[in-house]
Amino acid sequence: MTTPSYTPAPTASNKKTLAILSLVFGIVSIVFCLFLPIIWILLAIAGVILGFMSRKREPQARTMALAGIILSFVGIAANIVSMIIGAALAVSMMQS
């Protein structure tokens, strides 16, 4: 009796998971920057990290990773501006 040989399934050569996550995190951090910016800035930082990881690990998704990195940096800037505006509004409301 012969035992059947096991052949592993071929892996997908066009993985873009990290690049897609970076892109989504960047977009979400920009869209929701006015609501609880401290949470969304952490998501934008994760988007930057995932984007740079994707550029090394997923060479076929370099363009998407670059877009994710750029959007995540814009998200970080938008969240910082949102925090500054929120702090200024809070101070002005306390003084009046």
PDB file of N, CA and C in Angstrom:
ATOM      1  N   MET A   1       0.827  -1.157   0.000  1.00  0.00           N
ATOM      2  CA  MET A   1       0.000   0.000   0.000  1.00  0.00           C
ATOM      3  C   MET A   1       0.891   1.247   0.000  1.00  0.00           C
ATOM      4  N   THR A   2       0.559   2.188  -0.828  1.00  0.00           N
ATOM      5  CA  THR A   2       1.341   3.419  -0.890  1.00  0.00           C
ATOM      6  C   THR A   2       0.590   4.529  -0.175  1.00  0.00           C
ATOM      7  N   THR A   3       1.342   5.368   0.457  1.00  0.00           N
ATOM      8  CA  THR A   3       0.723   6.504   1.135  1.00  0.00           C
ATOM      9  C   THR A   3       0.687   7.687   0.181  1.00  0.00           C
ATOM     10  N   PRO A   4      -0.399   8.418   0.187  1.00  0.00           N
ATOM     11  CA  PRO A   4      -0.464   9.577  -0.719  1.00  0.00           C
ATOM     12  C   PRO A   4       0.527  10.650  -0.270  1.00  0.00           C
ATOM     13  N   SER A   5       1.181  11.214  -1.233  1.00  0.00           N
ATOM     14  CA  SER A   5       2.145  12.270  -0.903  1.00  0.00           C
ATOM     15  C   SER A   5       1.399  13.592  -0.737  1.00  0.00           C
ATOM     16  N   TYR A   6       1.892  14.375   0.158  1.00  0.00           N
ATOM     17  CA  TYR A   6       1.288  15.675   0.444  1.00  0.00           C
ATOM     18  C   TYR A   6       2.030  16.742  -0.335  1.00  0.00           C
ATOM     19  N   THR A   7       1.308  17.506  -1.122  1.00  0.00           N
ATOM     20  CA  THR A   7       1.907  18.636  -1.820  1.00  0.00           C
ATOM     21  C   THR A   7       1.235  19.902  -1.298  1.00  0.00           C
ATOM     22  N   PRO A   8       2.007  20.820  -0.770  1.00  0.00           N
ATOM     23  CA  PRO A   8       1.410  22.041  -0.230  1.00  0.00           C
ATOM     24  C   PRO A   8       0.796  22.882  -1.340  1.00  0.00           C
ATOM     25  N   ALA A   9      -0.229  23.588  -0.980  1.00  0.00           N
ATOM     26  CA  ALA A   9      -0.891  24.465  -1.945  1.00  0.00           C
ATOM     27  C   ALA A   9       0.063  25.591  -2.321  1.00  0.00           C
ATOM     28  N   PRO A  10       0.025  25.998  -3.572  1.00  0.00           N
ATOM     29  CA  PRO A  10       0.910  27.103  -3.974  1.00  0.00           C
ATOM     30  C   PRO A  10       0.497  28.398  -3.280  1.00  0.00           C
ATOM     31  N   THR A  11       1.482  29.137  -2.857  1.00  0.00           N
ATOM     32  CA  THR A  11       1.202  30.402  -2.185  1.00  0.00           C
ATOM     33  C   THR A  11       0.956  31.481  -3.226  1.00  0.00           C
ATOM     34  N   ALA A  12       0.138  32.418  -2.844  1.00  0.00           N
ATOM     35  CA  ALA A  12      -0.146  33.526  -3.757  1.00  0.00           C
ATOM     36  C   ALA A  12       1.085  34.410  -3.858  1.00  0.00           C
ATOM     37  N   SER A  13       1.483  34.706  -5.062  1.00  0.00           N
ATOM     38  CA  SER A  13       2.688  35.512  -5.250  1.00  0.00           C
ATOM     39  C   SER A  13       2.392  37.002  -5.246  1.00  0.00           C
ATOM     40  N   ASN A  14       1.138  37.357  -5.226  1.00  0.00           N
ATOM     41  CA  ASN A  14       0.814  38.777  -5.261  1.00  0.00           C
ATOM     42  C   ASN A  14       0.118  39.208  -3.972  1.00  0.00           C
ATOM     43  N   LYS A  15       0.737  38.922  -2.843  1.00  0.00           N
ATOM     44  CA  LYS A  15       0.194  39.349  -1.558  1.00  0.00           C
ATOM     45  C   LYS A  15       0.347  40.855  -1.427  1.00  0.00           C
ATOM     46  N   LYS A  16      -0.723  41.488  -0.997  1.00  0.00           N
ATOM     47  CA  LYS A  16      -0.701  42.940  -0.810  1.00  0.00           C
ATOM     48  C   LYS A  16      -1.359  43.321   0.511  1.00  0.00           C
ATOM     49  N   THR A  17      -1.371  42.404   1.454  1.00  0.00           N
ATOM     50  CA  THR A  17      -2.112  42.606   2.700  1.00  0.00           C
ATOM     51  C   THR A  17      -1.602  43.817   3.477  1.00  0.00           C
ATOM     52  N   LEU A  18      -0.312  43.920   3.676  1.00  0.00           N
ATOM     53  CA  LEU A  18       0.240  45.033   4.459  1.00  0.00           C
ATOM     54  C   LEU A  18      -0.007  46.370   3.769  1.00  0.00           C
ATOM     55  N   ALA A  19       0.129  46.392   2.453  1.00  0.00           N
ATOM     56  CA  ALA A  19      -0.096  47.632   1.707  1.00  0.00           C
ATOM     57  C   ALA A  19      -1.556  48.062   1.795  1.00  0.00           C
ATOM     58  N   ILE A  20      -2.466  47.111   1.695  1.00  0.00           N
ATOM     59  CA  ILE A  20      -3.892  47.438   1.789  1.00  0.00           C
ATOM     60  C   ILE A  20      -4.228  47.949   3.182  1.00  0.00           C
ATOM     61  N   LEU A  21      -3.697  47.293   4.217  1.00  0.00           N
ATOM     62  CA  LEU A  21      -3.941  47.763   5.584  1.00  0.00           C
ATOM     63  C   LEU A  21      -3.378  49.167   5.801  1.00  0.00           C
ATOM     64  N   SER A  22      -2.206  49.434   5.268  1.00  0.00           N
ATOM     65  CA  SER A  22      -1.614  50.755   5.389  1.00  0.00           C
ATOM     66  C   SER A  22      -2.495  51.809   4.723  1.00  0.00           C
ATOM     67  N   LEU A  23      -2.986  51.484   3.545  1.00  0.00           N
ATOM     68  CA  LEU A  23      -3.856  52.403   2.810  1.00  0.00           C
ATOM     69  C   LEU A  23      -5.165  52.649   3.567  1.00  0.00           C
ATOM     70  N   VAL A  24      -5.774  51.596   4.061  1.00  0.00           N
ATOM     71  CA  VAL A  24      -7.038  51.724   4.797  1.00  0.00           C
ATOM     72  C   VAL A  24      -6.830  52.504   6.093  1.00  0.00           C
ATOM     73  N   PHE A  25      -5.766  52.204   6.826  1.00  0.00           N
ATOM     74  CA  PHE A  25      -5.499  52.925   8.074  1.00  0.00           C
ATOM     75  C   PHE A  25      -5.277  54.408   7.811  1.00  0.00           C
ATOM     76  N   GLY A  26      -4.573  54.742   6.734  1.00  0.00           N
ATOM     77  CA  GLY A  26      -4.351  56.150   6.398  1.00  0.00           C
ATOM     78  C   GLY A  26      -5.648  56.866   6.069  1.00  0.00           C
ATOM     79  N   ILE A  27      -6.501  56.224   5.279  1.00  0.00           N
ATOM     80  CA  ILE A  27      -7.776  56.843   4.905  1.00  0.00           C
ATOM     81  C   ILE A  27      -8.673  57.015   6.129  1.00  0.00           C
ATOM     82  N   VAL A  28      -8.774  55.988   6.954  1.00  0.00           N
ATOM     83  CA  VAL A  28      -9.639  56.053   8.139  1.00  0.00           C
ATOM     84  C   VAL A  28      -9.144  57.122   9.114  1.00  0.00           C
ATOM     85  N   SER A  29      -7.830  57.240   9.271  1.00  0.00           N
ATOM     86  CA  SER A  29      -7.308  58.240  10.211  1.00  0.00           C
ATOM     87  C   SER A  29      -7.579  59.665   9.728  1.00  0.00           C
ATOM     88  N   ILE A  30      -7.649  59.875   8.423  1.00  0.00           N
ATOM     89  CA  ILE A  30      -7.971  61.205   7.895  1.00  0.00           C
ATOM     90  C   ILE A  30      -9.467  61.492   8.051  1.00  0.00           C
ATOM     91  N   VAL A  31     -10.288  60.507   7.696  1.00  0.00           N
ATOM     92  CA  VAL A  31     -11.736  60.713   7.723  1.00  0.00           C
ATOM     93  C   VAL A  31     -12.241  60.993   9.143  1.00  0.00           C
ATOM     94  N   PHE A  32     -11.704  60.281  10.135  1.00  0.00           N
ATOM     95  CA  PHE A  32     -12.205  60.406  11.495  1.00  0.00           C
ATOM     96  C   PHE A  32     -11.321  61.270  12.387  1.00  0.00           C
ATOM     97  N   CYS A  33     -10.500  62.147  11.826  1.00  0.00           N
ATOM     98  CA  CYS A  33      -9.562  62.916  12.642  1.00  0.00           C
ATOM     99  C   CYS A  33     -10.246  63.895  13.591  1.00  0.00           C
ATOM    100  N   LEU A  34     -11.480  64.275  13.314  1.00  0.00           N
ATOM    101  CA  LEU A  34     -12.169  65.218  14.191  1.00  0.00           C
ATOM    102  C   LEU A  34     -12.786  64.549  15.408  1.00  0.00           C
ATOM    103  N   PHE A  35     -12.928  63.237  15.368  1.00  0.00           N
ATOM    104  CA  PHE A  35     -13.558  62.504  16.462  1.00  0.00           C
ATOM    105  C   PHE A  35     -12.510  61.658  17.175  1.00  0.00           C
ATOM    106  N   LEU A  36     -12.186  61.981  18.396  1.00  0.00           N
ATOM    107  CA  LEU A  36     -11.188  61.271  19.209  1.00  0.00           C
ATOM    108  C   LEU A  36      -9.854  61.113  18.460  1.00  0.00           C
ATOM    109  N   PRO A  37      -9.174  62.207  18.194  1.00  0.00           N
ATOM    110  CA  PRO A  37      -7.964  62.136  17.380  1.00  0.00           C
ATOM    111  C   PRO A  37      -6.841  61.304  17.988  1.00  0.00           C
ATOM    112  N   ILE A  38      -6.831  61.121  19.297  1.00  0.00           N
ATOM    113  CA  ILE A  38      -5.751  60.339  19.910  1.00  0.00           C
ATOM    114  C   ILE A  38      -5.812  58.882  19.458  1.00  0.00           C
ATOM    115  N   ILE A  39      -7.016  58.363  19.229  1.00  0.00           N
ATOM    116  CA  ILE A  39      -7.152  56.985  18.744  1.00  0.00           C
ATOM    117  C   ILE A  39      -6.714  56.888  17.290  1.00  0.00           C
ATOM    118  N   TRP A  40      -7.146  57.844  16.488  1.00  0.00           N
ATOM    119  CA  TRP A  40      -6.883  57.759  15.053  1.00  0.00           C
ATOM    120  C   TRP A  40      -5.423  58.077  14.717  1.00  0.00           C
ATOM    121  N   ILE A  41      -4.743  58.842  15.571  1.00  0.00           N
ATOM    122  CA  ILE A  41      -3.318  59.078  15.313  1.00  0.00           C
ATOM    123  C   ILE A  41      -2.529  57.789  15.515  1.00  0.00           C
ATOM    124  N   LEU A  42      -2.973  56.958  16.468  1.00  0.00           N
ATOM    125  CA  LEU A  42      -2.313  55.660  16.649  1.00  0.00           C
ATOM    126  C   LEU A  42      -2.533  54.768  15.427  1.00  0.00           C
ATOM    127  N   LEU A  43      -3.719  54.843  14.846  1.00  0.00           N
ATOM    128  CA  LEU A  43      -3.998  54.080  13.636  1.00  0.00           C
ATOM    129  C   LEU A  43      -3.141  54.581  12.468  1.00  0.00           C
ATOM    130  N   ALA A  44      -2.943  55.884  12.388  1.00  0.00           N
ATOM    131  CA  ALA A  44      -2.107  56.441  11.322  1.00  0.00           C
ATOM    132  C   ALA A  44      -0.647  56.027  11.498  1.00  0.00           C
ATOM    133  N   ILE A  45      -0.177  55.993  12.730  1.00  0.00           N
ATOM    134  CA  ILE A  45       1.198  55.539  12.985  1.00  0.00           C
ATOM    135  C   ILE A  45       1.344  54.075  12.577  1.00  0.00           C
ATOM    136  N   ALA A  46       0.328  53.268  12.891  1.00  0.00           N
ATOM    137  CA  ALA A  46       0.349  51.865  12.459  1.00  0.00           C
ATOM    138  C   ALA A  46       0.355  51.778  10.934  1.00  0.00           C
ATOM    139  N   GLY A  47      -0.351  52.679  10.269  1.00  0.00           N
ATOM    140  CA  GLY A  47      -0.360  52.706   8.811  1.00  0.00           C
ATOM    141  C   GLY A  47       1.010  53.013   8.221  1.00  0.00           C
ATOM    142  N   VAL A  48       1.731  53.929   8.855  1.00  0.00           N
ATOM    143  CA  VAL A  48       3.091  54.237   8.394  1.00  0.00           C
ATOM    144  C   VAL A  48       3.997  53.021   8.564  1.00  0.00           C
ATOM    145  N   ILE A  49       3.913  52.381   9.709  1.00  0.00           N
ATOM    146  CA  ILE A  49       4.758  51.211   9.974  1.00  0.00           C
ATOM    147  C   ILE A  49       4.442  50.090   8.996  1.00  0.00           C
ATOM    148  N   LEU A  50       3.152  49.819   8.797  1.00  0.00           N
ATOM    149  CA  LEU A  50       2.767  48.768   7.855  1.00  0.00           C
ATOM    150  C   LEU A  50       3.172  49.108   6.424  1.00  0.00           C
ATOM    151  N   GLY A  51       3.116  50.378   6.077  1.00  0.00           N
ATOM    152  CA  GLY A  51       3.531  50.791   4.734  1.00  0.00           C
ATOM    153  C   GLY A  51       5.012  50.527   4.494  1.00  0.00           C
ATOM    154  N   PHE A  52       5.843  50.859   5.462  1.00  0.00           N
ATOM    155  CA  PHE A  52       7.273  50.608   5.293  1.00  0.00           C
ATOM    156  C   PHE A  52       7.587  49.110   5.333  1.00  0.00           C
ATOM    157  N   MET A  53       6.852  48.365   6.149  1.00  0.00           N
ATOM    158  CA  MET A  53       7.044  46.910   6.150  1.00  0.00           C
ATOM    159  C   MET A  53       6.637  46.318   4.798  1.00  0.00           C
ATOM    160  N   SER A  54       5.583  46.844   4.225  1.00  0.00           N
ATOM    161  CA  SER A  54       5.102  46.349   2.937  1.00  0.00           C
ATOM    162  C   SER A  54       6.099  46.631   1.824  1.00  0.00           C
ATOM    163  N   ARG A  55       6.752  47.784   1.883  1.00  0.00           N
ATOM    164  CA  ARG A  55       7.728  48.105   0.832  1.00  0.00           C
ATOM    165  C   ARG A  55       8.878  47.104   0.808  1.00  0.00           C
ATOM    166  N   LYS A  56       9.203  46.528   1.972  1.00  0.00           N
ATOM    167  CA  LYS A  56      10.281  45.537   2.016  1.00  0.00           C
ATOM    168  C   LYS A  56       9.791  44.141   1.687  1.00  0.00           C
ATOM    169  N   ARG A  57       8.626  43.771   2.207  1.00  0.00           N
ATOM    170  CA  ARG A  57       8.150  42.389   2.090  1.00  0.00           C
ATOM    171  C   ARG A  57       7.306  42.122   0.854  1.00  0.00           C
ATOM    172  N   GLU A  58       6.660  43.141   0.324  1.00  0.00           N
ATOM    173  CA  GLU A  58       5.751  42.965  -0.814  1.00  0.00           C
ATOM    174  C   GLU A  58       6.171  43.896  -1.953  1.00  0.00           C
ATOM    175  N   PRO A  59       7.189  43.524  -2.711  1.00  0.00           N
ATOM    176  CA  PRO A  59       7.695  44.433  -3.747  1.00  0.00           C
ATOM    177  C   PRO A  59       6.683  44.730  -4.859  1.00  0.00           C
ATOM    178  N   GLN A  60       5.719  43.852  -5.084  1.00  0.00           N
ATOM    179  CA  GLN A  60       4.736  44.091  -6.134  1.00  0.00           C
ATOM    180  C   GLN A  60       3.683  45.112  -5.708  1.00  0.00           C
ATOM    181  N   ALA A  61       3.658  45.485  -4.432  1.00  0.00           N
ATOM    182  CA  ALA A  61       2.671  46.437  -3.926  1.00  0.00           C
ATOM    183  C   ALA A  61       3.327  47.740  -3.481  1.00  0.00           C
ATOM    184  N   ARG A  62       4.445  48.091  -4.080  1.00  0.00           N
ATOM    185  CA  ARG A  62       5.179  49.289  -3.657  1.00  0.00           C
ATOM    186  C   ARG A  62       4.372  50.570  -3.838  1.00  0.00           C
ATOM    187  N   THR A  63       3.629  50.676  -4.927  1.00  0.00           N
ATOM    188  CA  THR A  63       2.856  51.895  -5.173  1.00  0.00           C
ATOM    189  C   THR A  63       1.737  52.045  -4.154  1.00  0.00           C
ATOM    190  N   MET A  64       1.046  50.965  -3.864  1.00  0.00           N
ATOM    191  CA  MET A  64      -0.022  51.017  -2.871  1.00  0.00           C
ATOM    192  C   MET A  64       0.551  51.309  -1.485  1.00  0.00           C
ATOM    193  N   ALA A  65       1.706  50.745  -1.185  1.00  0.00           N
ATOM    194  CA  ALA A  65       2.352  51.005   0.102  1.00  0.00           C
ATOM    195  C   ALA A  65       2.754  52.474   0.212  1.00  0.00           C
ATOM    196  N   LEU A  66       3.252  53.042  -0.882  1.00  0.00           N
ATOM    197  CA  LEU A  66       3.623  54.455  -0.874  1.00  0.00           C
ATOM    198  C   LEU A  66       2.401  55.334  -0.649  1.00  0.00           C
ATOM    199  N   ALA A  67       1.292  55.003  -1.290  1.00  0.00           N
ATOM    200  CA  ALA A  67       0.055  55.759  -1.077  1.00  0.00           C
ATOM    201  C   ALA A  67      -0.391  55.636   0.377  1.00  0.00           C
ATOM    202  N   GLY A  68      -0.266  54.458   0.955  1.00  0.00           N
ATOM    203  CA  GLY A  68      -0.623  54.262   2.356  1.00  0.00           C
ATOM    204  C   GLY A  68       0.267  55.061   3.288  1.00  0.00           C
ATOM    205  N   ILE A  69       1.558  55.106   2.985  1.00  0.00           N
ATOM    206  CA  ILE A  69       2.497  55.880   3.805  1.00  0.00           C
ATOM    207  C   ILE A  69       2.152  57.364   3.742  1.00  0.00           C
ATOM    208  N   ILE A  70       1.906  57.869   2.543  1.00  0.00           N
ATOM    209  CA  ILE A  70       1.586  59.291   2.378  1.00  0.00           C
ATOM    210  C   ILE A  70       0.285  59.636   3.096  1.00  0.00           C
ATOM    211  N   LEU A  71      -0.752  58.815   2.904  1.00  0.00           N
ATOM    212  CA  LEU A  71      -2.031  59.082   3.559  1.00  0.00           C
ATOM    213  C   LEU A  71      -1.917  58.971   5.081  1.00  0.00           C
ATOM    214  N   SER A  72      -1.095  58.065   5.550  1.00  0.00           N
ATOM    215  CA  SER A  72      -0.915  57.934   6.994  1.00  0.00           C
ATOM    216  C   SER A  72      -0.199  59.151   7.578  1.00  0.00           C
ATOM    217  N   PHE A  73       0.805  59.667   6.868  1.00  0.00           N
ATOM    218  CA  PHE A  73       1.465  60.886   7.342  1.00  0.00           C
ATOM    219  C   PHE A  73       0.503  62.072   7.315  1.00  0.00           C
ATOM    220  N   VAL A  74      -0.343  62.148   6.286  1.00  0.00           N
ATOM    221  CA  VAL A  74      -1.362  63.202   6.243  1.00  0.00           C
ATOM    222  C   VAL A  74      -2.339  63.020   7.407  1.00  0.00           C
ATOM    223  N   GLY A  75      -2.676  61.773   7.715  1.00  0.00           N
ATOM    224  CA  GLY A  75      -3.550  61.491   8.851  1.00  0.00           C
ATOM    225  C   GLY A  75      -2.932  61.918  10.166  1.00  0.00           C
ATOM    226  N   ILE A  76      -1.632  61.681  10.327  1.00  0.00           N
ATOM    227  CA  ILE A  76      -0.943  62.119  11.543  1.00  0.00           C
ATOM    228  C   ILE A  76      -1.010  63.638  11.668  1.00  0.00           C
ATOM    229  N   ALA A  77      -0.722  64.337  10.564  1.00  0.00           N
ATOM    230  CA  ALA A  77      -0.765  65.803  10.578  1.00  0.00           C
ATOM    231  C   ALA A  77      -2.179  66.306  10.859  1.00  0.00           C
ATOM    232  N   ALA A  78      -3.191  65.694  10.232  1.00  0.00           N
ATOM    233  CA  ALA A  78      -4.578  66.119  10.442  1.00  0.00           C
ATOM    234  C   ALA A  78      -5.005  65.886  11.883  1.00  0.00           C
ATOM    235  N   ASN A  79      -4.573  64.800  12.468  1.00  0.00           N
ATOM    236  CA  ASN A  79      -4.927  64.522  13.867  1.00  0.00           C
ATOM    237  C   ASN A  79      -4.240  65.488  14.821  1.00  0.00           C
ATOM    238  N   ILE A  80      -3.011  65.836  14.536  1.00  0.00           N
ATOM    239  CA  ILE A  80      -2.307  66.814  15.380  1.00  0.00           C
ATOM    240  C   ILE A  80      -2.999  68.173  15.296  1.00  0.00           C
ATOM    241  N   VAL A  81      -3.369  68.595  14.081  1.00  0.00           N
ATOM    242  CA  VAL A  81      -4.087  69.860  13.914  1.00  0.00           C
ATOM    243  C   VAL A  81      -5.427  69.805  14.643  1.00  0.00           C
ATOM    244  N   SER A  82      -6.112  68.664  14.550  1.00  0.00           N
ATOM    245  CA  SER A  82      -7.389  68.502  15.236  1.00  0.00           C
ATOM    246  C   SER A  82      -7.219  68.603  16.746  1.00  0.00           C
ATOM    247  N   MET A  83      -6.146  68.035  17.288  1.00  0.00           N
ATOM    248  CA  MET A  83      -5.891  68.128  18.728  1.00  0.00           C
ATOM    249  C   MET A  83      -5.604  69.562  19.144  1.00  0.00           C
ATOM    250  N   ILE A  84      -4.851  70.284  18.330  1.00  0.00           N
ATOM    251  CA  ILE A  84      -4.525  71.674  18.656  1.00  0.00           C
ATOM    252  C   ILE A  84      -5.784  72.531  18.636  1.00  0.00           C
ATOM    253  N   ILE A  85      -6.613  72.329  17.597  1.00  0.00           N
ATOM    254  CA  ILE A  85      -7.860  73.101  17.515  1.00  0.00           C
ATOM    255  C   ILE A  85      -8.772  72.755  18.688  1.00  0.00           C
ATOM    256  N   GLY A  86      -8.864  71.484  19.029  1.00  0.00           N
ATOM    257  CA  GLY A  86      -9.689  71.079  20.163  1.00  0.00           C
ATOM    258  C   GLY A  86      -9.199  71.671  21.466  1.00  0.00           C
ATOM    259  N   ALA A  87      -7.889  71.701  21.661  1.00  0.00           N
ATOM    260  CA  ALA A  87      -7.324  72.284  22.884  1.00  0.00           C
ATOM    261  C   ALA A  87      -7.585  73.787  22.922  1.00  0.00           C
ATOM    262  N   ALA A  88      -7.437  74.458  21.775  1.00  0.00           N
ATOM    263  CA  ALA A  88      -7.686  75.906  21.734  1.00  0.00           C
ATOM    264  C   ALA A  88      -9.151  76.208  22.030  1.00  0.00           C
ATOM    265  N   LEU A  89     -10.061  75.409  21.482  1.00  0.00           N
ATOM    266  CA  LEU A  89     -11.481  75.604  21.767  1.00  0.00           C
ATOM    267  C   LEU A  89     -11.785  75.346  23.236  1.00  0.00           C
ATOM    268  N   ALA A  90     -11.188  74.354  23.817  1.00  0.00           N
ATOM    269  CA  ALA A  90     -11.430  74.053  25.225  1.00  0.00           C
ATOM    270  C   ALA A  90     -10.934  75.177  26.120  1.00  0.00           C
ATOM    271  N   VAL A  91      -9.764  75.732  25.806  1.00  0.00           N
ATOM    272  CA  VAL A  91      -9.233  76.834  26.603  1.00  0.00           C
ATOM    273  C   VAL A  91     -10.111  78.064  26.457  1.00  0.00           C
ATOM    274  N   SER A  92     -10.557  78.352  25.242  1.00  0.00           N
ATOM    275  CA  SER A  92     -11.403  79.542  25.049  1.00  0.00           C
ATOM    276  C   SER A  92     -12.754  79.388  25.743  1.00  0.00           C
ATOM    277  N   MET A  93     -13.278  78.162  25.803  1.00  0.00           N
ATOM    278  CA  MET A  93     -14.560  77.952  26.495  1.00  0.00           C
ATOM    279  C   MET A  93     -14.398  78.060  28.005  1.00  0.00           C
ATOM    280  N   MET A  94     -13.233  77.679  28.529  1.00  0.00           N
ATOM    281  CA  MET A  94     -12.988  77.776  29.968  1.00  0.00           C
ATOM    282  C   MET A  94     -12.828  79.233  30.406  1.00  0.00           C
ATOM    283  N   GLN A  95     -12.275  80.051  29.531  1.00  0.00           N
ATOM    284  CA  GLN A  95     -12.018  81.443  29.888  1.00  0.00           C
ATOM    285  C   GLN A  95     -13.273  82.290  29.816  1.00  0.00           C
ATOM    286  N   SER A  96     -14.249  81.867  29.077  1.00  0.00           N
ATOM    287  CA  SER A  96     -15.461  82.709  28.949  1.00  0.00           C
ATOM    288  C   SER A  96     -16.531  82.337  29.940  1.00  0.00           C
TER     289      SER A  96
END
